[in-house]
Amino acid sequence: MTSADVAHELNISDQAALDCLERLWRLQLIIPFGGRPHGFKWRRTSSERIASLRFRLTQRGVEKLAWWAERMRPSRRWPL
């Protein structure tokens, strides 16, 4: 996914999409494709632009999505 994909899918500004990707990356839910410089696995280098990177979900991201899906599933139990 790219920042343009996020902006289009969520109908948000380009800057909001960049901020969202940077936050998800910092939380280790997504990671850029390709190798990373030593010490920059979970953040960008000073010369990198988030907009130029393509991201994929990490295993932690997959687990978090599954957790949210389970949590959002309507309960079939009687609340009382």
N, C-alpha and C. Protein backbone atom coordinates (compact mmCIF):
# COMPACT_ATOMS: atom_id res chain seq x y z
N MET A 1 0.84 -1.16 0.00
CA MET A 1 0.00 0.00 0.00
C MET A 1 0.89 1.24 0.00
N THR A 2 0.37 2.30 -0.53
CA THR A 2 1.07 3.58 -0.57
C THR A 2 0.22 4.63 0.14
N SER A 3 0.79 5.80 0.32
CA SER A 3 0.00 6.88 0.95
C SER A 3 -1.18 7.27 0.06
N ALA A 4 -1.01 7.19 -1.24
CA ALA A 4 -2.12 7.50 -2.15
C ALA A 4 -3.25 6.48 -1.98
N ASP A 5 -2.91 5.21 -1.80
CA ASP A 5 -3.92 4.17 -1.57
C ASP A 5 -4.71 4.47 -0.30
N VAL A 6 -4.00 4.83 0.76
CA VAL A 6 -4.65 5.12 2.05
C VAL A 6 -5.55 6.35 1.92
N ALA A 7 -5.04 7.40 1.29
CA ALA A 7 -5.83 8.63 1.12
C ALA A 7 -7.11 8.34 0.34
N HIS A 8 -7.00 7.56 -0.72
CA HIS A 8 -8.17 7.25 -1.55
C HIS A 8 -9.16 6.37 -0.79
N GLU A 9 -8.66 5.32 -0.15
CA GLU A 9 -9.53 4.37 0.54
C GLU A 9 -10.27 5.00 1.71
N LEU A 10 -9.59 5.86 2.47
CA LEU A 10 -10.20 6.47 3.65
C LEU A 10 -10.79 7.85 3.38
N ASN A 11 -10.63 8.33 2.14
CA ASN A 11 -11.13 9.65 1.75
C ASN A 11 -10.59 10.73 2.69
N ILE A 12 -9.26 10.73 2.86
CA ILE A 12 -8.58 11.71 3.70
C ILE A 12 -7.54 12.43 2.87
N SER A 13 -6.99 13.49 3.41
CA SER A 13 -5.97 14.26 2.70
C SER A 13 -4.69 13.46 2.57
N ASP A 14 -3.84 13.87 1.64
CA ASP A 14 -2.54 13.22 1.46
C ASP A 14 -1.71 13.30 2.74
N GLN A 15 -1.73 14.45 3.40
CA GLN A 15 -0.95 14.61 4.63
C GLN A 15 -1.47 13.71 5.73
N ALA A 16 -2.78 13.58 5.84
CA ALA A 16 -3.36 12.69 6.86
C ALA A 16 -2.97 11.24 6.58
N ALA A 17 -2.93 10.86 5.31
CA ALA A 17 -2.52 9.50 4.94
C ALA A 17 -1.06 9.27 5.30
N LEU A 18 -0.21 10.23 5.05
CA LEU A 18 1.21 10.11 5.41
C LEU A 18 1.38 9.97 6.92
N ASP A 19 0.65 10.78 7.66
CA ASP A 19 0.71 10.71 9.12
C ASP A 19 0.24 9.34 9.63
N CYS A 20 -0.82 8.85 9.02
CA CYS A 20 -1.38 7.54 9.39
C CYS A 20 -0.35 6.43 9.14
N LEU A 21 0.28 6.44 7.96
CA LEU A 21 1.28 5.43 7.65
C LEU A 21 2.47 5.50 8.60
N GLU A 22 2.92 6.70 8.89
CA GLU A 22 4.05 6.85 9.79
C GLU A 22 3.72 6.32 11.19
N ARG A 23 2.51 6.58 11.66
CA ARG A 23 2.08 6.09 12.97
C ARG A 23 1.98 4.55 12.97
N LEU A 24 1.39 3.97 11.93
CA LEU A 24 1.27 2.52 11.84
C LEU A 24 2.65 1.86 11.76
N TRP A 25 3.58 2.51 11.08
CA TRP A 25 4.94 2.01 10.98
C TRP A 25 5.63 2.04 12.35
N ARG A 26 5.49 3.15 13.04
CA ARG A 26 6.09 3.30 14.37
C ARG A 26 5.51 2.27 15.35
N LEU A 27 4.24 1.93 15.18
CA LEU A 27 3.59 0.91 16.02
C LEU A 27 3.91 -0.51 15.58
N GLN A 28 4.71 -0.65 14.54
CA GLN A 28 5.17 -1.93 14.00
C GLN A 28 4.03 -2.76 13.43
N LEU A 29 3.01 -2.09 12.88
CA LEU A 29 1.89 -2.78 12.25
C LEU A 29 2.09 -2.92 10.75
N ILE A 30 2.93 -2.06 10.17
CA ILE A 30 3.30 -2.13 8.76
C ILE A 30 4.81 -1.95 8.65
N ILE A 31 5.36 -2.36 7.51
CA ILE A 31 6.79 -2.20 7.27
C ILE A 31 6.99 -1.99 5.77
N PRO A 32 7.96 -1.17 5.37
CA PRO A 32 8.20 -0.97 3.94
C PRO A 32 8.76 -2.24 3.30
N PHE A 33 8.45 -2.42 2.02
CA PHE A 33 9.05 -3.49 1.25
C PHE A 33 10.54 -3.20 1.10
N GLY A 34 11.33 -4.24 1.00
CA GLY A 34 12.76 -4.08 0.77
C GLY A 34 13.54 -3.97 2.06
N GLY A 35 14.86 -3.95 1.91
CA GLY A 35 15.73 -3.85 3.07
C GLY A 35 15.72 -2.46 3.68
N ARG A 36 16.09 -2.40 4.94
CA ARG A 36 16.13 -1.13 5.67
C ARG A 36 17.54 -0.91 6.17
N PRO A 37 17.99 0.35 6.23
CA PRO A 37 19.28 0.65 6.82
C PRO A 37 19.30 0.25 8.30
N HIS A 38 20.45 -0.14 8.80
CA HIS A 38 20.59 -0.54 10.20
C HIS A 38 20.10 0.58 11.12
N GLY A 39 19.25 0.22 12.06
CA GLY A 39 18.72 1.19 13.02
C GLY A 39 17.48 1.93 12.54
N PHE A 40 17.00 1.62 11.33
CA PHE A 40 15.84 2.33 10.79
C PHE A 40 14.73 1.37 10.36
N LYS A 41 14.61 0.24 11.05
CA LYS A 41 13.57 -0.71 10.69
C LYS A 41 12.17 -0.13 10.93
N TRP A 42 12.00 0.62 12.02
CA TRP A 42 10.68 1.11 12.40
C TRP A 42 10.55 2.63 12.29
N ARG A 43 11.42 3.27 11.54
CA ARG A 43 11.31 4.71 11.30
C ARG A 43 12.06 5.06 10.03
N ARG A 44 11.82 6.24 9.53
CA ARG A 44 12.46 6.64 8.28
C ARG A 44 13.79 7.33 8.54
N THR A 45 14.63 7.31 7.53
CA THR A 45 15.88 8.05 7.62
C THR A 45 15.57 9.52 7.37
N SER A 46 16.51 10.39 7.64
CA SER A 46 16.26 11.83 7.46
C SER A 46 16.02 12.19 5.99
N SER A 47 16.53 11.40 5.06
CA SER A 47 16.36 11.72 3.64
C SER A 47 15.18 10.97 2.99
N GLU A 48 14.53 10.09 3.73
CA GLU A 48 13.42 9.31 3.18
C GLU A 48 12.11 10.07 3.25
N ARG A 49 11.27 9.81 2.27
CA ARG A 49 9.91 10.37 2.26
C ARG A 49 8.93 9.21 2.35
N ILE A 50 8.00 9.30 3.25
CA ILE A 50 6.98 8.26 3.41
C ILE A 50 6.23 8.04 2.10
N ALA A 51 5.97 9.11 1.37
CA ALA A 51 5.20 9.02 0.13
C ALA A 51 5.90 8.15 -0.92
N SER A 52 7.20 7.98 -0.82
CA SER A 52 7.92 7.20 -1.83
C SER A 52 8.03 5.72 -1.45
N LEU A 53 7.52 5.34 -0.29
CA LEU A 53 7.63 3.95 0.18
C LEU A 53 6.33 3.19 -0.05
N ARG A 54 6.48 1.87 -0.23
CA ARG A 54 5.34 0.96 -0.31
C ARG A 54 5.40 0.07 0.93
N PHE A 55 4.26 -0.13 1.55
CA PHE A 55 4.20 -0.85 2.82
C PHE A 55 3.42 -2.15 2.70
N ARG A 56 3.68 -3.05 3.64
CA ARG A 56 2.91 -4.29 3.79
C ARG A 56 2.64 -4.49 5.28
N LEU A 57 1.63 -5.29 5.59
CA LEU A 57 1.32 -5.60 6.98
C LEU A 57 2.39 -6.50 7.58
N THR A 58 2.70 -6.28 8.82
CA THR A 58 3.57 -7.19 9.56
C THR A 58 2.69 -8.27 10.19
N GLN A 59 3.31 -9.28 10.77
CA GLN A 59 2.55 -10.31 11.49
C GLN A 59 1.77 -9.67 12.63
N ARG A 60 2.39 -8.71 13.29
CA ARG A 60 1.72 -8.00 14.37
C ARG A 60 0.49 -7.25 13.84
N GLY A 61 0.60 -6.67 12.64
CA GLY A 61 -0.53 -5.99 12.02
C GLY A 61 -1.67 -6.94 11.69
N VAL A 62 -1.33 -8.12 11.19
CA VAL A 62 -2.34 -9.14 10.89
C VAL A 62 -3.06 -9.55 12.17
N GLU A 63 -2.28 -9.76 13.23
CA GLU A 63 -2.88 -10.15 14.52
C GLU A 63 -3.78 -9.06 15.08
N LYS A 64 -3.37 -7.81 14.94
CA LYS A 64 -4.18 -6.69 15.42
C LYS A 64 -5.49 -6.58 14.63
N LEU A 65 -5.44 -6.78 13.31
CA LEU A 65 -6.66 -6.77 12.50
C LEU A 65 -7.61 -7.88 12.93
N ALA A 66 -7.08 -9.06 13.17
CA ALA A 66 -7.92 -10.17 13.61
C ALA A 66 -8.54 -9.87 14.97
N TRP A 67 -7.77 -9.27 15.87
CA TRP A 67 -8.28 -8.90 17.19
C TRP A 67 -9.43 -7.91 17.05
N TRP A 68 -9.26 -6.88 16.20
CA TRP A 68 -10.33 -5.90 16.00
C TRP A 68 -11.55 -6.52 15.35
N ALA A 69 -11.34 -7.41 14.39
CA ALA A 69 -12.47 -8.07 13.73
C ALA A 69 -13.27 -8.87 14.74
N GLU A 70 -12.58 -9.57 15.61
CA GLU A 70 -13.27 -10.36 16.65
C GLU A 70 -14.00 -9.45 17.62
N ARG A 71 -13.39 -8.37 17.98
CA ARG A 71 -13.98 -7.43 18.93
C ARG A 71 -15.21 -6.73 18.35
N MET A 72 -15.21 -6.50 17.05
CA MET A 72 -16.32 -5.79 16.41
C MET A 72 -17.45 -6.72 15.98
N ARG A 73 -17.22 -8.01 16.09
CA ARG A 73 -18.26 -8.97 15.72
C ARG A 73 -19.43 -8.82 16.67
N PRO A 74 -20.64 -8.75 16.13
CA PRO A 74 -21.81 -8.60 17.02
C PRO A 74 -21.91 -9.80 17.96
N SER A 75 -22.18 -9.53 19.19
CA SER A 75 -22.31 -10.57 20.18
C SER A 75 -23.65 -11.27 20.03
N ARG A 76 -23.61 -12.59 20.15
CA ARG A 76 -24.84 -13.36 20.06
C ARG A 76 -25.41 -13.67 21.45
N ARG A 77 -24.71 -13.21 22.48
CA ARG A 77 -25.17 -13.46 23.85
C ARG A 77 -26.15 -12.37 24.28
N TRP A 78 -27.03 -12.77 25.18
CA TRP A 78 -27.95 -11.82 25.77
C TRP A 78 -27.15 -10.96 26.74
N PRO A 79 -27.28 -9.60 26.67
CA PRO A 79 -26.42 -8.75 27.48
C PRO A 79 -26.65 -8.84 28.99
N LEU A 80 -27.77 -9.38 29.43
CA LEU A 80 -28.04 -9.43 30.88
C LEU A 80 -27.82 -10.79 31.41
